[in-house]
Amino acid sequence: MADLAASGFAIVGDVREAHDTKGVGAPVIRRVTAAPQDAPRGRLEVEQRRPWARDGAIASLALDFDLTGPERTGYSRAELRRILEAA
């Protein structure tokens, strides 16, 4: 969570859903909703780790996002960037 905040995201939701409320250490589903504070485009990288284990991540997920809004008619913003970079 601290990494999200340090990367320019605001945490707008954090909910945990326990399926086994009587067990200790039972799996939970955690739903975190974050919104970019400054840049409308970027990359989000999430790693699943065990706090007690020093080795690498169990699993990871990387997402490129673009929250700049709806496209106008004509070339998309991605296509325009590609054309301008090639020029």
PDB file of N, CA and C in Angstrom:
ATOM      1  N   MET A   1       0.827  -1.186   0.000  1.00  0.00           N
ATOM      2  CA  MET A   1       0.000   0.000   0.000  1.00  0.00           C
ATOM      3  C   MET A   1       0.873   1.252   0.000  1.00  0.00           C
ATOM      4  N   ALA A   2       1.961   1.205   0.733  1.00  0.00           N
ATOM      5  CA  ALA A   2       2.859   2.351   0.761  1.00  0.00           C
ATOM      6  C   ALA A   2       3.484   2.581  -0.609  1.00  0.00           C
ATOM      7  N   ASP A   3       3.751   1.491  -1.334  1.00  0.00           N
ATOM      8  CA  ASP A   3       4.316   1.624  -2.678  1.00  0.00           C
ATOM      9  C   ASP A   3       3.325   2.294  -3.627  1.00  0.00           C
ATOM     10  N   LEU A   4       2.044   1.998  -3.488  1.00  0.00           N
ATOM     11  CA  LEU A   4       1.041   2.656  -4.317  1.00  0.00           C
ATOM     12  C   LEU A   4       1.035   4.162  -4.055  1.00  0.00           C
ATOM     13  N   ALA A   5       1.022   4.536  -2.790  1.00  0.00           N
ATOM     14  CA  ALA A   5       1.026   5.955  -2.439  1.00  0.00           C
ATOM     15  C   ALA A   5       2.304   6.638  -2.916  1.00  0.00           C
ATOM     16  N   ALA A   6       3.434   5.964  -2.778  1.00  0.00           N
ATOM     17  CA  ALA A   6       4.705   6.528  -3.226  1.00  0.00           C
ATOM     18  C   ALA A   6       4.775   6.655  -4.742  1.00  0.00           C
ATOM     19  N   SER A   7       3.984   5.863  -5.460  1.00  0.00           N
ATOM     20  CA  SER A   7       3.972   5.905  -6.923  1.00  0.00           C
ATOM     21  C   SER A   7       2.955   6.899  -7.473  1.00  0.00           C
ATOM     22  N   GLY A   8       2.300   7.654  -6.600  1.00  0.00           N
ATOM     23  CA  GLY A   8       1.374   8.678  -7.054  1.00  0.00           C
ATOM     24  C   GLY A   8      -0.079   8.258  -7.118  1.00  0.00           C
ATOM     25  N   PHE A   9      -0.439   7.190  -6.411  1.00  0.00           N
ATOM     26  CA  PHE A   9      -1.828   6.731  -6.382  1.00  0.00           C
ATOM     27  C   PHE A   9      -2.470   7.090  -5.056  1.00  0.00           C
ATOM     28  N   ALA A  10      -3.755   7.385  -5.097  1.00  0.00           N
ATOM     29  CA  ALA A  10      -4.539   7.590  -3.884  1.00  0.00           C
ATOM     30  C   ALA A  10      -5.391   6.338  -3.672  1.00  0.00           C
ATOM     31  N   ILE A  11      -5.383   5.803  -2.463  1.00  0.00           N
ATOM     32  CA  ILE A  11      -6.188   4.631  -2.134  1.00  0.00           C
ATOM     33  C   ILE A  11      -7.612   5.118  -1.874  1.00  0.00           C
ATOM     34  N   VAL A  12      -8.554   4.699  -2.712  1.00  0.00           N
ATOM     35  CA  VAL A  12      -9.939   5.137  -2.553  1.00  0.00           C
ATOM     36  C   VAL A  12     -10.830   4.023  -2.020  1.00  0.00           C
ATOM     37  N   GLY A  13     -10.294   2.814  -1.900  1.00  0.00           N
ATOM     38  CA  GLY A  13     -11.065   1.708  -1.336  1.00  0.00           C
ATOM     39  C   GLY A  13     -10.150   0.578  -0.899  1.00  0.00           C
ATOM     40  N   ASP A  14     -10.438  -0.027   0.247  1.00  0.00           N
ATOM     41  CA  ASP A  14      -9.662  -1.154   0.758  1.00  0.00           C
ATOM     42  C   ASP A  14     -10.592  -2.026   1.593  1.00  0.00           C
ATOM     43  N   VAL A  15     -11.024  -3.159   1.011  1.00  0.00           N
ATOM     44  CA  VAL A  15     -12.000  -4.031   1.661  1.00  0.00           C
ATOM     45  C   VAL A  15     -11.439  -5.438   1.702  1.00  0.00           C
ATOM     46  N   ARG A  16     -11.618  -6.120   2.841  1.00  0.00           N
ATOM     47  CA  ARG A  16     -11.221  -7.524   2.980  1.00  0.00           C
ATOM     48  C   ARG A  16     -12.464  -8.372   3.184  1.00  0.00           C
ATOM     49  N   GLU A  17     -12.543  -9.480   2.436  1.00  0.00           N
ATOM     50  CA  GLU A  17     -13.659 -10.409   2.551  1.00  0.00           C
ATOM     51  C   GLU A  17     -13.130 -11.759   3.025  1.00  0.00           C
ATOM     52  N   ALA A  18     -13.527 -12.157   4.227  1.00  0.00           N
ATOM     53  CA  ALA A  18     -13.100 -13.443   4.778  1.00  0.00           C
ATOM     54  C   ALA A  18     -14.156 -14.489   4.476  1.00  0.00           C
ATOM     55  N   HIS A  19     -13.712 -15.647   3.990  1.00  0.00           N
ATOM     56  CA  HIS A  19     -14.656 -16.722   3.697  1.00  0.00           C
ATOM     57  C   HIS A  19     -14.791 -17.679   4.876  1.00  0.00           C
ATOM     58  N   ASP A  20     -13.754 -17.785   5.679  1.00  0.00           N
ATOM     59  CA  ASP A  20     -13.781 -18.626   6.874  1.00  0.00           C
ATOM     60  C   ASP A  20     -13.499 -17.719   8.064  1.00  0.00           C
ATOM     61  N   THR A  21     -14.543 -17.241   8.719  1.00  0.00           N
ATOM     62  CA  THR A  21     -14.367 -16.272   9.803  1.00  0.00           C
ATOM     63  C   THR A  21     -13.934 -16.927  11.112  1.00  0.00           C
ATOM     64  N   LYS A  22     -13.975 -18.257  11.203  1.00  0.00           N
ATOM     65  CA  LYS A  22     -13.600 -18.927  12.445  1.00  0.00           C
ATOM     66  C   LYS A  22     -12.150 -19.394  12.439  1.00  0.00           C
ATOM     67  N   GLY A  23     -11.545 -19.536  11.279  1.00  0.00           N
ATOM     68  CA  GLY A  23     -10.181 -20.042  11.193  1.00  0.00           C
ATOM     69  C   GLY A  23      -9.147 -18.924  11.307  1.00  0.00           C
ATOM     70  N   VAL A  24      -8.012 -19.290  11.869  1.00  0.00           N
ATOM     71  CA  VAL A  24      -6.895 -18.344  11.972  1.00  0.00           C
ATOM     72  C   VAL A  24      -5.996 -18.551  10.760  1.00  0.00           C
ATOM     73  N   GLY A  25      -5.676 -17.470  10.086  1.00  0.00           N
ATOM     74  CA  GLY A  25      -4.815 -17.563   8.914  1.00  0.00           C
ATOM     75  C   GLY A  25      -5.526 -18.048   7.672  1.00  0.00           C
ATOM     76  N   ALA A  26      -6.851 -18.016   7.688  1.00  0.00           N
ATOM     77  CA  ALA A  26      -7.623 -18.457   6.525  1.00  0.00           C
ATOM     78  C   ALA A  26      -7.472 -17.450   5.389  1.00  0.00           C
ATOM     79  N   PRO A  27      -7.631 -17.900   4.164  1.00  0.00           N
ATOM     80  CA  PRO A  27      -7.503 -16.978   3.033  1.00  0.00           C
ATOM     81  C   PRO A  27      -8.567 -15.877   3.058  1.00  0.00           C
ATOM     82  N   VAL A  28      -8.203 -14.716   2.596  1.00  0.00           N
ATOM     83  CA  VAL A  28      -9.131 -13.599   2.455  1.00  0.00           C
ATOM     84  C   VAL A  28      -8.964 -13.015   1.054  1.00  0.00           C
ATOM     85  N   ILE A  29      -9.995 -12.356   0.593  1.00  0.00           N
ATOM     86  CA  ILE A  29      -9.917 -11.607  -0.657  1.00  0.00           C
ATOM     87  C   ILE A  29      -9.819 -10.137  -0.280  1.00  0.00           C
ATOM     88  N   ARG A  30      -8.793  -9.490  -0.798  1.00  0.00           N
ATOM     89  CA  ARG A  30      -8.602  -8.068  -0.516  1.00  0.00           C
ATOM     90  C   ARG A  30      -8.815  -7.289  -1.806  1.00  0.00           C
ATOM     91  N   ARG A  31      -9.727  -6.352  -1.778  1.00  0.00           N
ATOM     92  CA  ARG A  31     -10.025  -5.526  -2.944  1.00  0.00           C
ATOM     93  C   ARG A  31      -9.550  -4.104  -2.660  1.00  0.00           C
ATOM     94  N   VAL A  32      -8.541  -3.700  -3.397  1.00  0.00           N
ATOM     95  CA  VAL A  32      -7.976  -2.359  -3.243  1.00  0.00           C
ATOM     96  C   VAL A  32      -8.301  -1.566  -4.504  1.00  0.00           C
ATOM     97  N   THR A  33      -8.844  -0.381  -4.318  1.00  0.00           N
ATOM     98  CA  THR A  33      -9.126   0.507  -5.436  1.00  0.00           C
ATOM     99  C   THR A  33      -8.234   1.725  -5.289  1.00  0.00           C
ATOM    100  N   ALA A  34      -7.471   2.005  -6.348  1.00  0.00           N
ATOM    101  CA  ALA A  34      -6.558   3.143  -6.329  1.00  0.00           C
ATOM    102  C   ALA A  34      -6.801   3.997  -7.564  1.00  0.00           C
ATOM    103  N   ALA A  35      -6.572   5.282  -7.427  1.00  0.00           N
ATOM    104  CA  ALA A  35      -6.730   6.212  -8.540  1.00  0.00           C
ATOM    105  C   ALA A  35      -5.466   7.045  -8.661  1.00  0.00           C
ATOM    106  N   PRO A  36      -5.017   7.298  -9.890  1.00  0.00           N
ATOM    107  CA  PRO A  36      -3.813   8.117 -10.057  1.00  0.00           C
ATOM    108  C   PRO A  36      -4.092   9.554  -9.644  1.00  0.00           C
ATOM    109  N   GLN A  37      -3.148  10.141  -8.915  1.00  0.00           N
ATOM    110  CA  GLN A  37      -3.328  11.514  -8.461  1.00  0.00           C
ATOM    111  C   GLN A  37      -2.900  12.529  -9.514  1.00  0.00           C
ATOM    112  N   ASP A  38      -1.811  12.254 -10.223  1.00  0.00           N
ATOM    113  CA  ASP A  38      -1.270  13.239 -11.143  1.00  0.00           C
ATOM    114  C   ASP A  38      -1.359  12.797 -12.595  1.00  0.00           C
ATOM    115  N   ALA A  39      -0.680  11.720 -12.936  1.00  0.00           N
ATOM    116  CA  ALA A  39      -0.571  11.283 -14.326  1.00  0.00           C
ATOM    117  C   ALA A  39      -1.741  10.387 -14.711  1.00  0.00           C
ATOM    118  N   PRO A  40      -2.391  10.650 -15.852  1.00  0.00           N
ATOM    119  CA  PRO A  40      -3.495   9.790 -16.267  1.00  0.00           C
ATOM    120  C   PRO A  40      -3.028   8.491 -16.923  1.00  0.00           C
ATOM    121  N   ARG A  41      -1.720   8.373 -17.227  1.00  0.00           N
ATOM    122  CA  ARG A  41      -1.185   7.148 -17.824  1.00  0.00           C
ATOM    123  C   ARG A  41      -0.037   6.648 -16.965  1.00  0.00           C
ATOM    124  N   GLY A  42       0.158   5.339 -17.000  1.00  0.00           N
ATOM    125  CA  GLY A  42       1.277   4.774 -16.252  1.00  0.00           C
ATOM    126  C   GLY A  42       1.261   3.261 -16.252  1.00  0.00           C
ATOM    127  N   ARG A  43       1.998   2.696 -15.329  1.00  0.00           N
ATOM    128  CA  ARG A  43       2.117   1.244 -15.192  1.00  0.00           C
ATOM    129  C   ARG A  43       1.947   0.885 -13.722  1.00  0.00           C
ATOM    130  N   LEU A  44       1.147  -0.126 -13.470  1.00  0.00           N
ATOM    131  CA  LEU A  44       0.914  -0.619 -12.119  1.00  0.00           C
ATOM    132  C   LEU A  44       1.488  -2.021 -12.024  1.00  0.00           C
ATOM    133  N   GLU A  45       2.383  -2.235 -11.063  1.00  0.00           N
ATOM    134  CA  GLU A  45       2.978  -3.551 -10.842  1.00  0.00           C
ATOM    135  C   GLU A  45       2.660  -3.995  -9.421  1.00  0.00           C
ATOM    136  N   VAL A  46       2.098  -5.190  -9.300  1.00  0.00           N
ATOM    137  CA  VAL A  46       1.694  -5.731  -8.004  1.00  0.00           C
ATOM    138  C   VAL A  46       2.380  -7.075  -7.819  1.00  0.00           C
ATOM    139  N   GLU A  47       2.909  -7.308  -6.613  1.00  0.00           N
ATOM    140  CA  GLU A  47       3.550  -8.587  -6.285  1.00  0.00           C
ATOM    141  C   GLU A  47       2.893  -9.185  -5.056  1.00  0.00           C
ATOM    142  N   GLN A  48       2.723 -10.498  -5.092  1.00  0.00           N
ATOM    143  CA  GLN A  48       2.211 -11.225  -3.931  1.00  0.00           C
ATOM    144  C   GLN A  48       3.403 -11.836  -3.217  1.00  0.00           C
ATOM    145  N   ARG A  49       3.542 -11.521  -1.929  1.00  0.00           N
ATOM    146  CA  ARG A  49       4.670 -12.012  -1.142  1.00  0.00           C
ATOM    147  C   ARG A  49       4.190 -12.517   0.210  1.00  0.00           C
ATOM    148  N   ARG A  50       4.993 -13.384   0.797  1.00  0.00           N
ATOM    149  CA  ARG A  50       4.757 -13.816   2.178  1.00  0.00           C
ATOM    150  C   ARG A  50       5.639 -12.945   3.072  1.00  0.00           C
ATOM    151  N   PRO A  51       5.056 -12.250   4.036  1.00  0.00           N
ATOM    152  CA  PRO A  51       5.844 -11.312   4.848  1.00  0.00           C
ATOM    153  C   PRO A  51       7.010 -11.967   5.577  1.00  0.00           C
ATOM    154  N   TRP A  52       6.878 -13.233   5.937  1.00  0.00           N
ATOM    155  CA  TRP A  52       7.930 -13.903   6.695  1.00  0.00           C
ATOM    156  C   TRP A  52       9.015 -14.501   5.800  1.00  0.00           C
ATOM    157  N   ALA A  53       8.769 -14.607   4.513  1.00  0.00           N
ATOM    158  CA  ALA A  53       9.739 -15.202   3.596  1.00  0.00           C
ATOM    159  C   ALA A  53      10.585 -14.108   2.950  1.00  0.00           C
ATOM    160  N   ARG A  54      11.878 -14.315   2.882  1.00  0.00           N
ATOM    161  CA  ARG A  54      12.788 -13.325   2.317  1.00  0.00           C
ATOM    162  C   ARG A  54      12.978 -13.479   0.807  1.00  0.00           C
ATOM    163  N   ASP A  55      12.569 -14.618   0.246  1.00  0.00           N
ATOM    164  CA  ASP A  55      12.777 -14.837  -1.182  1.00  0.00           C
ATOM    165  C   ASP A  55      11.789 -14.015  -2.008  1.00  0.00           C
ATOM    166  N   GLY A  56      11.842 -14.161  -3.313  1.00  0.00           N
ATOM    167  CA  GLY A  56      11.078 -13.333  -4.246  1.00  0.00           C
ATOM    168  C   GLY A  56       9.570 -13.478  -4.140  1.00  0.00           C
ATOM    169  N   ALA A  57       8.900 -12.825  -5.051  1.00  0.00           N
ATOM    170  CA  ALA A  57       7.447 -12.799  -5.074  1.00  0.00           C
ATOM    171  C   ALA A  57       6.882 -14.159  -5.497  1.00  0.00           C
ATOM    172  N   ILE A  58       5.731 -14.493  -4.949  1.00  0.00           N
ATOM    173  CA  ILE A  58       5.027 -15.715  -5.310  1.00  0.00           C
ATOM    174  C   ILE A  58       4.402 -15.538  -6.700  1.00  0.00           C
ATOM    175  N   ALA A  59       3.799 -14.394  -6.913  1.00  0.00           N
ATOM    176  CA  ALA A  59       3.159 -14.076  -8.186  1.00  0.00           C
ATOM    177  C   ALA A  59       3.257 -12.573  -8.408  1.00  0.00           C
ATOM    178  N   SER A  60       3.154 -12.160  -9.655  1.00  0.00           N
ATOM    179  CA  SER A  60       3.184 -10.728  -9.957  1.00  0.00           C
ATOM    180  C   SER A  60       2.240 -10.428 -11.113  1.00  0.00           C
ATOM    181  N   LEU A  61       1.840  -9.180 -11.185  1.00  0.00           N
ATOM    182  CA  LEU A  61       0.939  -8.720 -12.231  1.00  0.00           C
ATOM    183  C   LEU A  61       1.356  -7.310 -12.610  1.00  0.00           C
ATOM    184  N   ALA A  62       1.473  -7.025 -13.894  1.00  0.00           N
ATOM    185  CA  ALA A  62       1.815  -5.689 -14.377  1.00  0.00           C
ATOM    186  C   ALA A  62       0.750  -5.239 -15.367  1.00  0.00           C
ATOM    187  N   LEU A  63       0.239  -4.020 -15.158  1.00  0.00           N
ATOM    188  CA  LEU A  63      -0.798  -3.469 -16.025  1.00  0.00           C
ATOM    189  C   LEU A  63      -0.397  -2.072 -16.485  1.00  0.00           C
ATOM    190  N   ASP A  64      -0.469  -1.842 -17.781  1.00  0.00           N
ATOM    191  CA  ASP A  64      -0.328  -0.492 -18.314  1.00  0.00           C
ATOM    192  C   ASP A  64      -1.728   0.103 -18.361  1.00  0.00           C
ATOM    193  N   PHE A  65      -1.885   1.361 -17.893  1.00  0.00           N
ATOM    194  CA  PHE A  65      -3.208   1.963 -17.885  1.00  0.00           C
ATOM    195  C   PHE A  65      -3.178   3.329 -18.546  1.00  0.00           C
ATOM    196  N   ASP A  66      -4.329   3.711 -19.087  1.00  0.00           N
ATOM    197  CA  ASP A  66      -4.518   5.004 -19.716  1.00  0.00           C
ATOM    198  C   ASP A  66      -5.910   5.485 -19.350  1.00  0.00           C
ATOM    199  N   LEU A  67      -5.997   6.465 -18.459  1.00  0.00           N
ATOM    200  CA  LEU A  67      -7.273   6.972 -17.969  1.00  0.00           C
ATOM    201  C   LEU A  67      -7.530   8.390 -18.474  1.00  0.00           C
ATOM    202  N   THR A  68      -7.094   8.675 -19.690  1.00  0.00           N
ATOM    203  CA  THR A  68      -7.228  10.030 -20.227  1.00  0.00           C
ATOM    204  C   THR A  68      -8.608  10.324 -20.781  1.00  0.00           C
ATOM    205  N   GLY A  69      -9.510   9.365 -20.777  1.00  0.00           N
ATOM    206  CA  GLY A  69     -10.871   9.618 -21.221  1.00  0.00           C
ATOM    207  C   GLY A  69     -11.156   9.036 -22.585  1.00  0.00           C
ATOM    208  N   PRO A  70     -12.352   9.328 -23.112  1.00  0.00           N
ATOM    209  CA  PRO A  70     -12.746   8.739 -24.398  1.00  0.00           C
ATOM    210  C   PRO A  70     -11.900   9.280 -25.550  1.00  0.00           C
ATOM    211  N   GLU A  71     -11.763   8.455 -26.566  1.00  0.00           N
ATOM    212  CA  GLU A  71     -11.018   8.846 -27.766  1.00  0.00           C
ATOM    213  C   GLU A  71     -11.862   9.780 -28.625  1.00  0.00           C
ATOM    214  N   ARG A  72     -11.193  10.693 -29.323  1.00  0.00           N
ATOM    215  CA  ARG A  72     -11.876  11.527 -30.308  1.00  0.00           C
ATOM    216  C   ARG A  72     -11.938  10.764 -31.627  1.00  0.00           C
ATOM    217  N   THR A  73     -12.650  11.294 -32.585  1.00  0.00           N
ATOM    218  CA  THR A  73     -12.691  10.657 -33.897  1.00  0.00           C
ATOM    219  C   THR A  73     -11.333  10.803 -34.566  1.00  0.00           C
ATOM    220  N   GLY A  74     -11.021   9.887 -35.445  1.00  0.00           N
ATOM    221  CA  GLY A  74      -9.728   9.905 -36.135  1.00  0.00           C
ATOM    222  C   GLY A  74      -8.764   8.933 -35.479  1.00  0.00           C
ATOM    223  N   TYR A  75      -7.470   9.245 -35.556  1.00  0.00           N
ATOM    224  CA  TYR A  75      -6.449   8.380 -34.964  1.00  0.00           C
ATOM    225  C   TYR A  75      -6.583   8.355 -33.444  1.00  0.00           C
ATOM    226  N   SER A  76      -6.332   7.199 -32.858  1.00  0.00           N
ATOM    227  CA  SER A  76      -6.333   7.104 -31.395  1.00  0.00           C
ATOM    228  C   SER A  76      -5.083   7.788 -30.856  1.00  0.00           C
ATOM    229  N   ARG A  77      -5.073   8.098 -29.572  1.00  0.00           N
ATOM    230  CA  ARG A  77      -3.888   8.730 -28.956  1.00  0.00           C
ATOM    231  C   ARG A  77      -2.668   7.826 -29.071  1.00  0.00           C
ATOM    232  N   ALA A  78      -2.868   6.522 -28.924  1.00  0.00           N
ATOM    233  CA  ALA A  78      -1.745   5.585 -29.043  1.00  0.00           C
ATOM    234  C   ALA A  78      -1.187   5.590 -30.459  1.00  0.00           C
ATOM    235  N   GLU A  79      -2.063   5.615 -31.446  1.00  0.00           N
ATOM    236  CA  GLU A  79      -1.607   5.650 -32.842  1.00  0.00           C
ATOM    237  C   GLU A  79      -0.887   6.960 -33.143  1.00  0.00           C
ATOM    238  N   LEU A  80      -1.392   8.078 -32.648  1.00  0.00           N
ATOM    239  CA  LEU A  80      -0.716   9.362 -32.853  1.00  0.00           C
ATOM    240  C   LEU A  80       0.666   9.374 -32.219  1.00  0.00           C
ATOM    241  N   ARG A  81       0.798   8.813 -31.011  1.00  0.00           N
ATOM    242  CA  ARG A  81       2.124   8.738 -30.369  1.00  0.00           C
ATOM    243  C   ARG A  81       3.078   7.914 -31.209  1.00  0.00           C
ATOM    244  N   ARG A  82       2.587   6.785 -31.723  1.00  0.00           N
ATOM    245  CA  ARG A  82       3.418   5.904 -32.548  1.00  0.00           C
ATOM    246  C   ARG A  82       3.868   6.632 -33.821  1.00  0.00           C
ATOM    247  N   ILE A  83       2.960   7.369 -34.471  1.00  0.00           N
ATOM    248  CA  ILE A  83       3.295   8.110 -35.687  1.00  0.00           C
ATOM    249  C   ILE A  83       4.318   9.205 -35.377  1.00  0.00           C
ATOM    250  N   LEU A  84       4.115   9.940 -34.291  1.00  0.00           N
ATOM    251  CA  LEU A  84       5.031  11.023 -33.948  1.00  0.00           C
ATOM    252  C   LEU A  84       6.408  10.503 -33.540  1.00  0.00           C
ATOM    253  N   GLU A  85       6.465   9.363 -32.866  1.00  0.00           N
ATOM    254  CA  GLU A  85       7.745   8.783 -32.480  1.00  0.00           C
ATOM    255  C   GLU A  85       8.518   8.301 -33.702  1.00  0.00           C
ATOM    256  N   ALA A  86       7.813   7.840 -34.729  1.00  0.00           N
ATOM    257  CA  ALA A  86       8.465   7.356 -35.940  1.00  0.00           C
ATOM    258  C   ALA A  86       8.979   8.497 -36.809  1.00  0.00           C
ATOM    259  N   ALA A  87       8.412   9.685 -36.643  1.00  0.00           N
ATOM    260  CA  ALA A  87       8.817  10.829 -37.492  1.00  0.00           C
ATOM    261  C   ALA A  87      10.144  11.414 -37.093  1.00  0.00           C
TER     262      ALA A  87
END
